[in-house]
PDB file of N, CA and C in Angstrom:
ATOM      1  N   UNK A   1     199.659 113.989 142.359  1.00  0.00           N
ATOM      2  CA  UNK A   1     198.421 113.212 142.372  1.00  0.00           C
ATOM      3  C   UNK A   1     198.610 111.942 141.548  1.00  0.00           C
ATOM      4  N   UNK A   2     198.146 110.824 142.059  1.00  0.00           N
ATOM      5  CA  UNK A   2     198.281 109.532 141.383  1.00  0.00           C
ATOM      6  C   UNK A   2     197.302 109.420 140.227  1.00  0.00           C
ATOM      7  N   UNK A   3     197.717 108.655 139.213  1.00  0.00           N
ATOM      8  CA  UNK A   3     196.834 108.366 138.095  1.00  0.00           C
ATOM      9  C   UNK A   3     195.879 107.254 138.511  1.00  0.00           C
ATOM     10  N   UNK A   4     194.704 107.188 137.890  1.00  0.00           N
ATOM     11  CA  UNK A   4     193.790 106.090 138.198  1.00  0.00           C
ATOM     12  C   UNK A   4     194.436 104.749 137.865  1.00  0.00           C
ATOM     13  N   UNK A   5     194.104 103.694 138.623  1.00  0.00           N
ATOM     14  CA  UNK A   5     194.710 102.378 138.398  1.00  0.00           C
ATOM     15  C   UNK A   5     194.560 101.870 136.971  1.00  0.00           C
ATOM     16  N   UNK A   6     193.400 102.113 136.341  1.00  0.00           N
ATOM     17  CA  UNK A   6     193.204 101.613 134.978  1.00  0.00           C
ATOM     18  C   UNK A   6     194.166 102.282 134.005  1.00  0.00           C
ATOM     19  N   UNK A   7     194.452 103.561 134.226  1.00  0.00           N
ATOM     20  CA  UNK A   7     195.408 104.274 133.365  1.00  0.00           C
ATOM     21  C   UNK A   7     196.811 103.736 133.604  1.00  0.00           C
ATOM     22  N   UNK A   8     197.178 103.519 134.867  1.00  0.00           N
ATOM     23  CA  UNK A   8     198.491 102.958 135.178  1.00  0.00           C
ATOM     24  C   UNK A   8     198.670 101.592 134.512  1.00  0.00           C
ATOM     25  N   UNK A   9     197.641 100.785 134.544  1.00  0.00           N
ATOM     26  CA  UNK A   9     197.701  99.451 133.953  1.00  0.00           C
ATOM     27  C   UNK A   9     197.874  99.545 132.439  1.00  0.00           C
ATOM     28  N   UNK A  10     197.162 100.462 131.813  1.00  0.00           N
ATOM     29  CA  UNK A  10     197.274 100.623 130.362  1.00  0.00           C
ATOM     30  C   UNK A  10     198.685 101.063 129.971  1.00  0.00           C
ATOM     31  N   UNK A  11     199.221 102.028 130.693  1.00  0.00           N
ATOM     32  CA  UNK A  11     200.572 102.518 130.415  1.00  0.00           C
ATOM     33  C   UNK A  11     201.590 101.400 130.649  1.00  0.00           C
ATOM     34  N   UNK A  12     201.440 100.689 131.751  1.00  0.00           N
ATOM     35  CA  UNK A  12     202.339  99.570 132.057  1.00  0.00           C
ATOM     36  C   UNK A  12     202.283  98.526 130.944  1.00  0.00           C
ATOM     37  N   UNK A  13     201.092  98.193 130.517  1.00  0.00           N
ATOM     38  CA  UNK A  13     200.934  97.180 129.484  1.00  0.00           C
ATOM     39  C   UNK A  13     201.561  97.632 128.164  1.00  0.00           C
ATOM     40  N   UNK A  14     201.332  98.890 127.804  1.00  0.00           N
ATOM     41  CA  UNK A  14     201.865  99.400 126.536  1.00  0.00           C
ATOM     42  C   UNK A  14     203.386  99.485 126.535  1.00  0.00           C
ATOM     43  N   UNK A  15     203.964  99.855 127.645  1.00  0.00           N
ATOM     44  CA  UNK A  15     205.412 100.068 127.678  1.00  0.00           C
ATOM     45  C   UNK A  15     206.207  98.806 127.988  1.00  0.00           C
ATOM     46  N   UNK A  16     205.640  97.872 128.707  1.00  0.00           N
ATOM     47  CA  UNK A  16     206.397  96.702 129.157  1.00  0.00           C
ATOM     48  C   UNK A  16     205.864  95.367 128.637  1.00  0.00           C
ATOM     49  N   UNK A  17     204.921  95.409 127.739  1.00  0.00           N
ATOM     50  CA  UNK A  17     204.298  94.193 127.218  1.00  0.00           C
ATOM     51  C   UNK A  17     205.335  93.226 126.659  1.00  0.00           C
ATOM     52  N   UNK A  18     206.299  93.734 125.905  1.00  0.00           N
ATOM     53  CA  UNK A  18     207.314  92.881 125.293  1.00  0.00           C
ATOM     54  C   UNK A  18     208.125  92.115 126.341  1.00  0.00           C
ATOM     55  N   UNK A  19     208.342  92.721 127.497  1.00  0.00           N
ATOM     56  CA  UNK A  19     209.078  92.047 128.578  1.00  0.00           C
ATOM     57  C   UNK A  19     208.253  90.900 129.138  1.00  0.00           C
ATOM     58  N   UNK A  20     206.991  91.168 129.399  1.00  0.00           N
ATOM     59  CA  UNK A  20     206.110  90.118 129.917  1.00  0.00           C
ATOM     60  C   UNK A  20     206.025  88.945 128.948  1.00  0.00           C
ATOM     61  N   UNK A  21     205.803  89.245 127.671  1.00  0.00           N
ATOM     62  CA  UNK A  21     205.673  88.195 126.666  1.00  0.00           C
ATOM     63  C   UNK A  21     206.963  87.395 126.558  1.00  0.00           C
ATOM     64  N   UNK A  22     208.095  88.081 126.575  1.00  0.00           N
ATOM     65  CA  UNK A  22     209.389  87.398 126.470  1.00  0.00           C
ATOM     66  C   UNK A  22     209.601  86.419 127.627  1.00  0.00           C
ATOM     67  N   UNK A  23     209.345  86.862 128.836  1.00  0.00           N
ATOM     68  CA  UNK A  23     209.519  86.003 130.015  1.00  0.00           C
ATOM     69  C   UNK A  23     208.551  84.822 129.961  1.00  0.00           C
ATOM     70  N   UNK A  24     207.311  85.095 129.619  1.00  0.00           N
ATOM     71  CA  UNK A  24     206.309  84.028 129.577  1.00  0.00           C
ATOM     72  C   UNK A  24     206.577  83.038 128.448  1.00  0.00           C
ATOM     73  N   UNK A  25     207.093  83.515 127.325  1.00  0.00           N
ATOM     74  CA  UNK A  25     207.430  82.603 126.226  1.00  0.00           C
ATOM     75  C   UNK A  25     208.544  81.648 126.645  1.00  0.00           C
ATOM     76  N   UNK A  26     209.526  82.171 127.390  1.00  0.00           N
ATOM     77  CA  UNK A  26     210.594  81.288 127.877  1.00  0.00           C
ATOM     78  C   UNK A  26     210.038  80.250 128.837  1.00  0.00           C
ATOM     79  N   UNK A  27     209.091  80.642 129.638  1.00  0.00           N
ATOM     80  CA  UNK A  27     208.520  79.721 130.614  1.00  0.00           C
ATOM     81  C   UNK A  27     207.618  78.688 129.954  1.00  0.00           C
ATOM     82  N   UNK A  28     206.790  79.142 129.002  1.00  0.00           N
ATOM     83  CA  UNK A  28     205.761  78.277 128.431  1.00  0.00           C
ATOM     84  C   UNK A  28     206.143  77.639 127.097  1.00  0.00           C
ATOM     85  N   UNK A  29     207.095  78.237 126.409  1.00  0.00           N
ATOM     86  CA  UNK A  29     207.536  77.676 125.137  1.00  0.00           C
ATOM     87  C   UNK A  29     206.677  78.030 123.945  1.00  0.00           C
ATOM     88  N   UNK A  30     205.693  78.890 124.118  1.00  0.00           N
ATOM     89  CA  UNK A  30     204.781  79.220 123.022  1.00  0.00           C
ATOM     90  C   UNK A  30     204.314  80.664 123.158  1.00  0.00           C
ATOM     91  N   UNK A  31     204.314  81.374 122.039  1.00  0.00           N
ATOM     92  CA  UNK A  31     203.837  82.757 122.064  1.00  0.00           C
ATOM     93  C   UNK A  31     202.333  82.797 122.364  1.00  0.00           C
ATOM     94  N   UNK A  32     201.587  81.872 121.787  1.00  0.00           N
ATOM     95  CA  UNK A  32     200.137  81.843 122.027  1.00  0.00           C
ATOM     96  C   UNK A  32     199.832  81.655 123.507  1.00  0.00           C
ATOM     97  N   UNK A  33     200.511  80.702 124.141  1.00  0.00           N
ATOM     98  CA  UNK A  33     200.300  80.479 125.574  1.00  0.00           C
ATOM     99  C   UNK A  33     200.708  81.707 126.384  1.00  0.00           C
ATOM    100  N   UNK A  34     201.808  82.333 125.983  1.00  0.00           N
ATOM    101  CA  UNK A  34     202.265  83.535 126.679  1.00  0.00           C
ATOM    102  C   UNK A  34     201.226  84.649 126.576  1.00  0.00           C
ATOM    103  N   UNK A  35     200.669  84.824 125.391  1.00  0.00           N
ATOM    104  CA  UNK A  35     199.628  85.847 125.188  1.00  0.00           C
ATOM    105  C   UNK A  35     198.392  85.541 126.046  1.00  0.00           C
ATOM    106  N   UNK A  36     197.984  84.281 126.062  1.00  0.00           N
ATOM    107  CA  UNK A  36     196.811  83.883 126.855  1.00  0.00           C
ATOM    108  C   UNK A  36     197.037  84.143 128.341  1.00  0.00           C
ATOM    109  N   UNK A  37     198.205  83.749 128.830  1.00  0.00           N
ATOM    110  CA  UNK A  37     198.496  83.915 130.257  1.00  0.00           C
ATOM    111  C   UNK A  37     198.571  85.394 130.613  1.00  0.00           C
ATOM    112  N   UNK A  38     199.195  86.194 129.763  1.00  0.00           N
ATOM    113  CA  UNK A  38     199.275  87.628 130.052  1.00  0.00           C
ATOM    114  C   UNK A  38     197.887  88.246 130.076  1.00  0.00           C
ATOM    115  N   UNK A  39     197.037  87.841 129.157  1.00  0.00           N
ATOM    116  CA  UNK A  39     195.667  88.341 129.146  1.00  0.00           C
ATOM    117  C   UNK A  39     194.948  87.965 130.445  1.00  0.00           C
ATOM    118  N   UNK A  40     195.096  86.720 130.877  1.00  0.00           N
ATOM    119  CA  UNK A  40     194.471  86.286 132.136  1.00  0.00           C
ATOM    120  C   UNK A  40     195.017  87.080 133.324  1.00  0.00           C
ATOM    121  N   UNK A  41     196.324  87.345 133.311  1.00  0.00           N
ATOM    122  CA  UNK A  41     196.943  88.110 134.395  1.00  0.00           C
ATOM    123  C   UNK A  41     196.400  89.533 134.427  1.00  0.00           C
ATOM    124  N   UNK A  42     196.225  90.133 133.263  1.00  0.00           N
ATOM    125  CA  UNK A  42     195.672  91.492 133.204  1.00  0.00           C
ATOM    126  C   UNK A  42     194.248  91.531 133.735  1.00  0.00           C
ATOM    127  N   UNK A  43     193.476  90.508 133.407  1.00  0.00           N
ATOM    128  CA  UNK A  43     192.099  90.451 133.908  1.00  0.00           C
ATOM    129  C   UNK A  43     192.105  90.357 135.434  1.00  0.00           C
ATOM    130  N   UNK A  44     192.935  89.470 135.978  1.00  0.00           N
ATOM    131  CA  UNK A  44     193.025  89.329 137.440  1.00  0.00           C
ATOM    132  C   UNK A  44     193.488  90.628 138.085  1.00  0.00           C
ATOM    133  N   UNK A  45     194.474  91.239 137.485  1.00  0.00           N
ATOM    134  CA  UNK A  45     195.008  92.502 138.000  1.00  0.00           C
ATOM    135  C   UNK A  45     193.928  93.577 137.998  1.00  0.00           C
ATOM    136  N   UNK A  46     193.175  93.646 136.910  1.00  0.00           N
ATOM    137  CA  UNK A  46     192.125  94.654 136.771  1.00  0.00           C
ATOM    138  C   UNK A  46     190.963  94.409 137.732  1.00  0.00           C
ATOM    139  N   UNK A  47     190.740  93.159 138.112  1.00  0.00           N
ATOM    140  CA  UNK A  47     189.622  92.822 138.992  1.00  0.00           C
ATOM    141  C   UNK A  47     189.935  93.038 140.469  1.00  0.00           C
ATOM    142  N   UNK A  48     191.162  93.418 140.763  1.00  0.00           N
ATOM    143  CA  UNK A  48     191.524  93.653 142.167  1.00  0.00           C
ATOM    144  C   UNK A  48     190.697  94.801 142.734  1.00  0.00           C
ATOM    145  N   UNK A  49     190.365  94.716 144.009  1.00  0.00           N
ATOM    146  CA  UNK A  49     189.632  95.825 144.628  1.00  0.00           C
ATOM    147  C   UNK A  49     190.446  97.114 144.558  1.00  0.00           C
ATOM    148  N   UNK A  50     189.760  98.228 144.348  1.00  0.00           N
ATOM    149  CA  UNK A  50     190.427  99.527 144.232  1.00  0.00           C
ATOM    150  C   UNK A  50     191.143  99.905 145.527  1.00  0.00           C
ATOM    151  N   UNK A  51     190.718  99.332 146.635  1.00  0.00           N
ATOM    152  CA  UNK A  51     191.332  99.667 147.925  1.00  0.00           C
ATOM    153  C   UNK A  51     192.729  99.071 148.086  1.00  0.00           C
ATOM    154  N   UNK A  52     193.049  98.033 147.289  1.00  0.00           N
ATOM    155  CA  UNK A  52     194.371  97.402 147.374  1.00  0.00           C
ATOM    156  C   UNK A  52     195.396  98.254 146.633  1.00  0.00           C
ATOM    157  N   UNK A  53     196.352  98.788 147.385  1.00  0.00           N
ATOM    158  CA  UNK A  53     197.419  99.563 146.759  1.00  0.00           C
ATOM    159  C   UNK A  53     198.619  98.672 146.521  1.00  0.00           C
ATOM    160  N   UNK A  54     199.210  98.809 145.358  1.00  0.00           N
ATOM    161  CA  UNK A  54     200.365  98.010 144.990  1.00  0.00           C
ATOM    162  C   UNK A  54     201.530  98.953 144.758  1.00  0.00           C
ATOM    163  N   UNK A  55     202.616  98.690 145.482  1.00  0.00           N
ATOM    164  CA  UNK A  55     203.784  99.558 145.360  1.00  0.00           C
ATOM    165  C   UNK A  55     204.448  99.431 144.003  1.00  0.00           C
ATOM    166  N   UNK A  56     204.548  98.197 143.500  1.00  0.00           N
ATOM    167  CA  UNK A  56     205.232  97.960 142.235  1.00  0.00           C
ATOM    168  C   UNK A  56     204.310  97.161 141.312  1.00  0.00           C
ATOM    169  N   UNK A  57     203.464  97.860 140.541  1.00  0.00           N
ATOM    170  CA  UNK A  57     202.500  97.157 139.686  1.00  0.00           C
ATOM    171  C   UNK A  57     203.157  96.221 138.669  1.00  0.00           C
ATOM    172  N   UNK A  58     204.313  96.602 138.139  1.00  0.00           N
ATOM    173  CA  UNK A  58     204.987  95.748 137.153  1.00  0.00           C
ATOM    174  C   UNK A  58     205.404  94.420 137.780  1.00  0.00           C
ATOM    175  N   UNK A  59     205.997  94.467 138.956  1.00  0.00           N
ATOM    176  CA  UNK A  59     206.419  93.241 139.639  1.00  0.00           C
ATOM    177  C   UNK A  59     205.211  92.398 140.022  1.00  0.00           C
ATOM    178  N   UNK A  60     204.159  93.064 140.468  1.00  0.00           N
ATOM    179  CA  UNK A  60     202.950  92.343 140.857  1.00  0.00           C
ATOM    180  C   UNK A  60     202.335  91.636 139.649  1.00  0.00           C
ATOM    181  N   UNK A  61     202.220  92.351 138.528  1.00  0.00           N
ATOM    182  CA  UNK A  61     201.650  91.754 137.327  1.00  0.00           C
ATOM    183  C   UNK A  61     202.518  90.602 136.833  1.00  0.00           C
ATOM    184  N   UNK A  62     203.832  90.752 136.928  1.00  0.00           N
ATOM    185  CA  UNK A  62     204.731  89.672 136.511  1.00  0.00           C
ATOM    186  C   UNK A  62     204.533  88.451 137.399  1.00  0.00           C
ATOM    187  N   UNK A  63     204.396  88.672 138.706  1.00  0.00           N
ATOM    188  CA  UNK A  63     204.194  87.563 139.632  1.00  0.00           C
ATOM    189  C   UNK A  63     202.880  86.837 139.337  1.00  0.00           C
ATOM    190  N   UNK A  64     201.831  87.598 139.094  1.00  0.00           N
ATOM    191  CA  UNK A  64     200.537  86.990 138.751  1.00  0.00           C
ATOM    192  C   UNK A  64     200.671  86.183 137.472  1.00  0.00           C
ATOM    193  N   UNK A  65     201.333  86.745 136.471  1.00  0.00           N
ATOM    194  CA  UNK A  65     201.497  86.060 135.183  1.00  0.00           C
ATOM    195  C   UNK A  65     202.327  84.786 135.343  1.00  0.00           C
ATOM    196  N   UNK A  66     203.393  84.848 136.114  1.00  0.00           N
ATOM    197  CA  UNK A  66     204.226  83.660 136.318  1.00  0.00           C
ATOM    198  C   UNK A  66     203.483  82.576 137.095  1.00  0.00           C
ATOM    199  N   UNK A  67     202.682  82.981 138.064  1.00  0.00           N
ATOM    200  CA  UNK A  67     201.867  82.000 138.795  1.00  0.00           C
ATOM    201  C   UNK A  67     200.869  81.319 137.858  1.00  0.00           C
ATOM    202  N   UNK A  68     200.245  82.102 136.982  1.00  0.00           N
ATOM    203  CA  UNK A  68     199.308  81.527 136.021  1.00  0.00           C
ATOM    204  C   UNK A  68     200.030  80.611 135.038  1.00  0.00           C
ATOM    205  N   UNK A  69     201.246  80.987 134.639  1.00  0.00           N
ATOM    206  CA  UNK A  69     202.032  80.141 133.738  1.00  0.00           C
ATOM    207  C   UNK A  69     202.367  78.813 134.412  1.00  0.00           C
ATOM    208  N   UNK A  70     202.734  78.876 135.683  1.00  0.00           N
ATOM    209  CA  UNK A  70     203.035  77.651 136.431  1.00  0.00           C
ATOM    210  C   UNK A  70     201.799  76.760 136.520  1.00  0.00           C
ATOM    211  N   UNK A  71     200.656  77.368 136.792  1.00  0.00           N
ATOM    212  CA  UNK A  71     199.401  76.599 136.835  1.00  0.00           C
ATOM    213  C   UNK A  71     199.124  75.943 135.489  1.00  0.00           C
ATOM    214  N   UNK A  72     199.351  76.672 134.410  1.00  0.00           N
ATOM    215  CA  UNK A  72     199.110  76.129 133.076  1.00  0.00           C
ATOM    216  C   UNK A  72     200.050  74.960 132.789  1.00  0.00           C
ATOM    217  N   UNK A  73     201.318  75.097 133.173  1.00  0.00           N
ATOM    218  CA  UNK A  73     202.271  74.007 132.957  1.00  0.00           C
ATOM    219  C   UNK A  73     201.882  72.764 133.759  1.00  0.00           C
ATOM    220  N   UNK A  74     201.453  72.968 134.994  1.00  0.00           N
ATOM    221  CA  UNK A  74     201.010  71.836 135.820  1.00  0.00           C
ATOM    222  C   UNK A  74     199.810  71.151 135.194  1.00  0.00           C
ATOM    223  N   UNK A  75     198.878  71.944 134.718  1.00  0.00           N
ATOM    224  CA  UNK A  75     197.673  71.388 134.106  1.00  0.00           C
ATOM    225  C   UNK A  75     198.033  70.606 132.850  1.00  0.00           C
ATOM    226  N   UNK A  76     198.925  71.150 132.044  1.00  0.00           N
ATOM    227  CA  UNK A  76     199.341  70.471 130.820  1.00  0.00           C
ATOM    228  C   UNK A  76     200.051  69.164 131.143  1.00  0.00           C
ATOM    229  N   UNK A  77     200.944  69.194 132.132  1.00  0.00           N
ATOM    230  CA  UNK A  77     201.677  67.995 132.537  1.00  0.00           C
ATOM    231  C   UNK A  77     200.714  66.941 133.081  1.00  0.00           C
ATOM    232  N   UNK A  78     199.787  67.374 133.901  1.00  0.00           N
ATOM    233  CA  UNK A  78     198.812  66.455 134.473  1.00  0.00           C
ATOM    234  C   UNK A  78     197.936  65.831 133.389  1.00  0.00           C
ATOM    235  N   UNK A  79     197.511  66.641 132.438  1.00  0.00           N
ATOM    236  CA  UNK A  79     196.682  66.125 131.337  1.00  0.00           C
ATOM    237  C   UNK A  79     197.452  65.113 130.501  1.00  0.00           C
ATOM    238  N   UNK A  80     198.722  65.420 130.229  1.00  0.00           N
ATOM    239  CA  UNK A  80     199.539  64.498 129.440  1.00  0.00           C
ATOM    240  C   UNK A  80     199.738  63.178 130.183  1.00  0.00           C
ATOM    241  N   UNK A  81     199.953  63.266 131.502  1.00  0.00           N
ATOM    242  CA  UNK A  81     200.132  62.054 132.306  1.00  0.00           C
ATOM    243  C   UNK A  81     198.859  61.221 132.306  1.00  0.00           C
ATOM    244  N   UNK A  82     197.705  61.876 132.467  1.00  0.00           N
ATOM    245  CA  UNK A  82     196.421  61.159 132.436  1.00  0.00           C
ATOM    246  C   UNK A  82     196.203  60.498 131.080  1.00  0.00           C
ATOM    247  N   UNK A  83     196.521  61.221 130.017  1.00  0.00           N
ATOM    248  CA  UNK A  83     196.347  60.681 128.673  1.00  0.00           C
ATOM    249  C   UNK A  83     197.250  59.477 128.453  1.00  0.00           C
ATOM    250  N   UNK A  84     198.480  59.558 128.924  1.00  0.00           N
ATOM    251  CA  UNK A  84     199.416  58.450 128.765  1.00  0.00           C
ATOM    252  C   UNK A  84     198.941  57.228 129.542  1.00  0.00           C
ATOM    253  N   UNK A  85     198.478  57.435 130.773  1.00  0.00           N
ATOM    254  CA  UNK A  85     197.971  56.335 131.592  1.00  0.00           C
ATOM    255  C   UNK A  85     196.742  55.716 130.944  1.00  0.00           C
ATOM    256  N   UNK A  86     195.844  56.563 130.489  1.00  0.00           N
ATOM    257  CA  UNK A  86     194.617  56.067 129.856  1.00  0.00           C
ATOM    258  C   UNK A  86     194.962  55.266 128.612  1.00  0.00           C
ATOM    259  N   UNK A  87     195.858  55.778 127.792  1.00  0.00           N
ATOM    260  CA  UNK A  87     196.253  55.079 126.573  1.00  0.00           C
ATOM    261  C   UNK A  87     196.868  53.723 126.894  1.00  0.00           C
ATOM    262  N   UNK A  88     197.715  53.684 127.903  1.00  0.00           N
ATOM    263  CA  UNK A  88     198.348  52.420 128.292  1.00  0.00           C
ATOM    264  C   UNK A  88     197.302  51.417 128.764  1.00  0.00           C
ATOM    265  N   UNK A  89     196.319  51.875 129.529  1.00  0.00           N
ATOM    266  CA  UNK A  89     195.271  50.981 130.011  1.00  0.00           C
ATOM    267  C   UNK A  89     194.428  50.454 128.863  1.00  0.00           C
ATOM    268  N   UNK A  90     194.101  51.315 127.930  1.00  0.00           N
ATOM    269  CA  UNK A  90     193.296  50.892 126.779  1.00  0.00           C
ATOM    270  C   UNK A  90     194.071  49.887 125.954  1.00  0.00           C
ATOM    271  N   UNK A  91     195.352  50.127 125.725  1.00  0.00           N
ATOM    272  CA  UNK A  91     196.162  49.183 124.960  1.00  0.00           C
ATOM    273  C   UNK A  91     196.244  47.837 125.663  1.00  0.00           C
ATOM    274  N   UNK A  92     196.406  47.867 126.973  1.00  0.00           N
ATOM    275  CA  UNK A  92     196.469  46.612 127.730  1.00  0.00           C
ATOM    276  C   UNK A  92     195.146  45.862 127.655  1.00  0.00           C
ATOM    277  N   UNK A  93     194.034  46.585 127.710  1.00  0.00           N
ATOM    278  CA  UNK A  93     192.732  45.939 127.604  1.00  0.00           C
ATOM    279  C   UNK A  93     192.555  45.312 126.232  1.00  0.00           C
ATOM    280  N   UNK A  94     192.972  46.031 125.197  1.00  0.00           N
ATOM    281  CA  UNK A  94     192.852  45.485 123.846  1.00  0.00           C
ATOM    282  C   UNK A  94     193.706  44.235 123.697  1.00  0.00           C
ATOM    283  N   UNK A  95     194.890  44.248 124.273  1.00  0.00           N
ATOM    284  CA  UNK A  95     195.762  43.083 124.188  1.00  0.00           C
ATOM    285  C   UNK A  95     195.190  41.917 124.986  1.00  0.00           C
ATOM    286  N   UNK A  96     194.526  42.217 126.102  1.00  0.00           N
ATOM    287  CA  UNK A  96     193.942  41.154 126.921  1.00  0.00           C
ATOM    288  C   UNK A  96     192.761  40.505 126.206  1.00  0.00           C
ATOM    289  N   UNK A  97     192.051  41.270 125.398  1.00  0.00           N
ATOM    290  CA  UNK A  97     190.897  40.735 124.691  1.00  0.00           C
ATOM    291  C   UNK A  97     191.311  39.817 123.546  1.00  0.00           C
ATOM    292  N   UNK A  98     192.419  40.157 122.910  1.00  0.00           N
ATOM    293  CA  UNK A  98     192.853  39.384 121.758  1.00  0.00           C
ATOM    294  C   UNK A  98     194.232  38.799 122.021  1.00  0.00           C
ATOM    295  N   UNK A  99     194.291  37.559 122.428  1.00  0.00           N
ATOM    296  CA  UNK A  99     195.597  36.940 122.675  1.00  0.00           C
ATOM    297  C   UNK A  99     196.412  36.876 121.393  1.00  0.00           C
ATOM    298  N   UNK A 100     197.724  36.977 121.566  1.00  0.00           N
ATOM    299  CA  UNK A 100     198.587  36.977 120.393  1.00  0.00           C
ATOM    300  C   UNK A 100     198.722  35.588 119.781  1.00  0.00           C
ATOM    301  N   UNK A 101     198.497  34.550 120.583  1.00  0.00           N
ATOM    302  CA  UNK A 101     198.561  33.192 120.035  1.00  0.00           C
ATOM    303  C   UNK A 101     197.614  32.299 120.833  1.00  0.00           C
ATOM    304  N   UNK A 102     197.260  31.143 120.274  1.00  0.00           N
ATOM    305  CA  UNK A 102     196.378  30.221 121.002  1.00  0.00           C
ATOM    306  C   UNK A 102     196.997  29.747 122.313  1.00  0.00           C
ATOM    307  N   UNK A 103     198.323  29.623 122.355  1.00  0.00           N
ATOM    308  CA  UNK A 103     198.993  29.180 123.577  1.00  0.00           C
ATOM    309  C   UNK A 103     198.769  30.204 124.684  1.00  0.00           C
ATOM    310  N   UNK A 104     198.862  31.509 124.341  1.00  0.00           N
ATOM    311  CA  UNK A 104     198.615  32.557 125.333  1.00  0.00           C
ATOM    312  C   UNK A 104     197.199  32.461 125.874  1.00  0.00           C
ATOM    313  N   UNK A 105     196.247  32.194 124.996  1.00  0.00           N
ATOM    314  CA  UNK A 105     194.850  32.084 125.398  1.00  0.00           C
ATOM    315  C   UNK A 105     194.644  30.907 126.359  1.00  0.00           C
ATOM    316  N   UNK A 106     195.229  29.757 126.045  1.00  0.00           N
ATOM    317  CA  UNK A 106     195.101  28.571 126.894  1.00  0.00           C
ATOM    318  C   UNK A 106     195.746  28.825 128.251  1.00  0.00           C
ATOM    319  N   UNK A 107     196.926  29.441 128.228  1.00  0.00           N
ATOM    320  CA  UNK A 107     197.636  29.719 129.482  1.00  0.00           C
ATOM    321  C   UNK A 107     196.838  30.697 130.342  1.00  0.00           C
ATOM    322  N   UNK A 108     196.282  31.692 129.739  1.00  0.00           N
ATOM    323  CA  UNK A 108     195.490  32.672 130.486  1.00  0.00           C
ATOM    324  C   UNK A 108     194.246  32.019 131.072  1.00  0.00           C
ATOM    325  N   UNK A 109     193.596  31.153 130.311  1.00  0.00           N
ATOM    326  CA  UNK A 109     192.410  30.443 130.810  1.00  0.00           C
ATOM    327  C   UNK A 109     192.766  29.552 132.000  1.00  0.00           C
ATOM    328  N   UNK A 110     193.891  28.866 131.904  1.00  0.00           N
ATOM    329  CA  UNK A 110     194.336  27.984 132.975  1.00  0.00           C
ATOM    330  C   UNK A 110     194.616  28.778 134.253  1.00  0.00           C
ATOM    331  N   UNK A 111     195.300  29.895 134.114  1.00  0.00           N
ATOM    332  CA  UNK A 111     195.598  30.753 135.280  1.00  0.00           C
ATOM    333  C   UNK A 111     194.305  31.269 135.887  1.00  0.00           C
ATOM    334  N   UNK A 112     193.354  31.666 135.056  1.00  0.00           N
ATOM    335  CA  UNK A 112     192.068  32.168 135.566  1.00  0.00           C
ATOM    336  C   UNK A 112     191.311  31.068 136.303  1.00  0.00           C
ATOM    337  N   UNK A 113     191.310  29.851 135.772  1.00  0.00           N
ATOM    338  CA  UNK A 113     190.617  28.737 136.430  1.00  0.00           C
ATOM    339  C   UNK A 113     191.243  28.417 137.776  1.00  0.00           C
ATOM    340  N   UNK A 114     192.586  28.429 137.831  1.00  0.00           N
ATOM    341  CA  UNK A 114     193.264  28.157 139.092  1.00  0.00           C
ATOM    342  C   UNK A 114     192.936  29.240 140.125  1.00  0.00           C
ATOM    343  N   UNK A 115     192.872  30.453 139.695  1.00  0.00           N
ATOM    344  CA  UNK A 115     192.533  31.538 140.614  1.00  0.00           C
ATOM    345  C   UNK A 115     191.116  31.376 141.157  1.00  0.00           C
ATOM    346  N   UNK A 116     190.193  30.974 140.284  1.00  0.00           N
ATOM    347  CA  UNK A 116     188.805  30.762 140.710  1.00  0.00           C
ATOM    348  C   UNK A 116     188.732  29.603 141.702  1.00  0.00           C
ATOM    349  N   UNK A 117     189.450  28.533 141.449  1.00  0.00           N
ATOM    350  CA  UNK A 117     189.443  27.383 142.352  1.00  0.00           C
ATOM    351  C   UNK A 117     189.973  27.778 143.736  1.00  0.00           C
ATOM    352  N   UNK A 118     191.014  28.598 143.761  1.00  0.00           N
ATOM    353  CA  UNK A 118     191.576  29.030 145.045  1.00  0.00           C
ATOM    354  C   UNK A 118     190.568  29.856 145.830  1.00  0.00           C
ATOM    355  N   UNK A 119     189.812  30.654 145.135  1.00  0.00           N
ATOM    356  CA  UNK A 119     188.795  31.484 145.816  1.00  0.00           C
ATOM    357  C   UNK A 119     187.696  30.609 146.356  1.00  0.00           C
TER     358      UNK A 119
END
């Protein structure tokens, strides 16, 4: 007779937790992130419908955890890229507001006037 899924999950977590954390730490570079992702994976695993039978719960949980880790890495990379772009735009705006020399200001005004005349 099979054990209830919640019991199987608890036993799996207790016996193989160190493996999951080790793999996720290598992927994410941080124990905290690895712990967070494993927790999220356990929640997703636990929320599965009882009718879904899984032949290899350890492999399934690892796959869920790795997918979540990949999502986290993408999100982090995307956030860093957005922050870098935003910072560059803000710096450029600040530089545009305050010319480094009077010659730059005169040249910029002249270019702007010529552009307006062309329009």
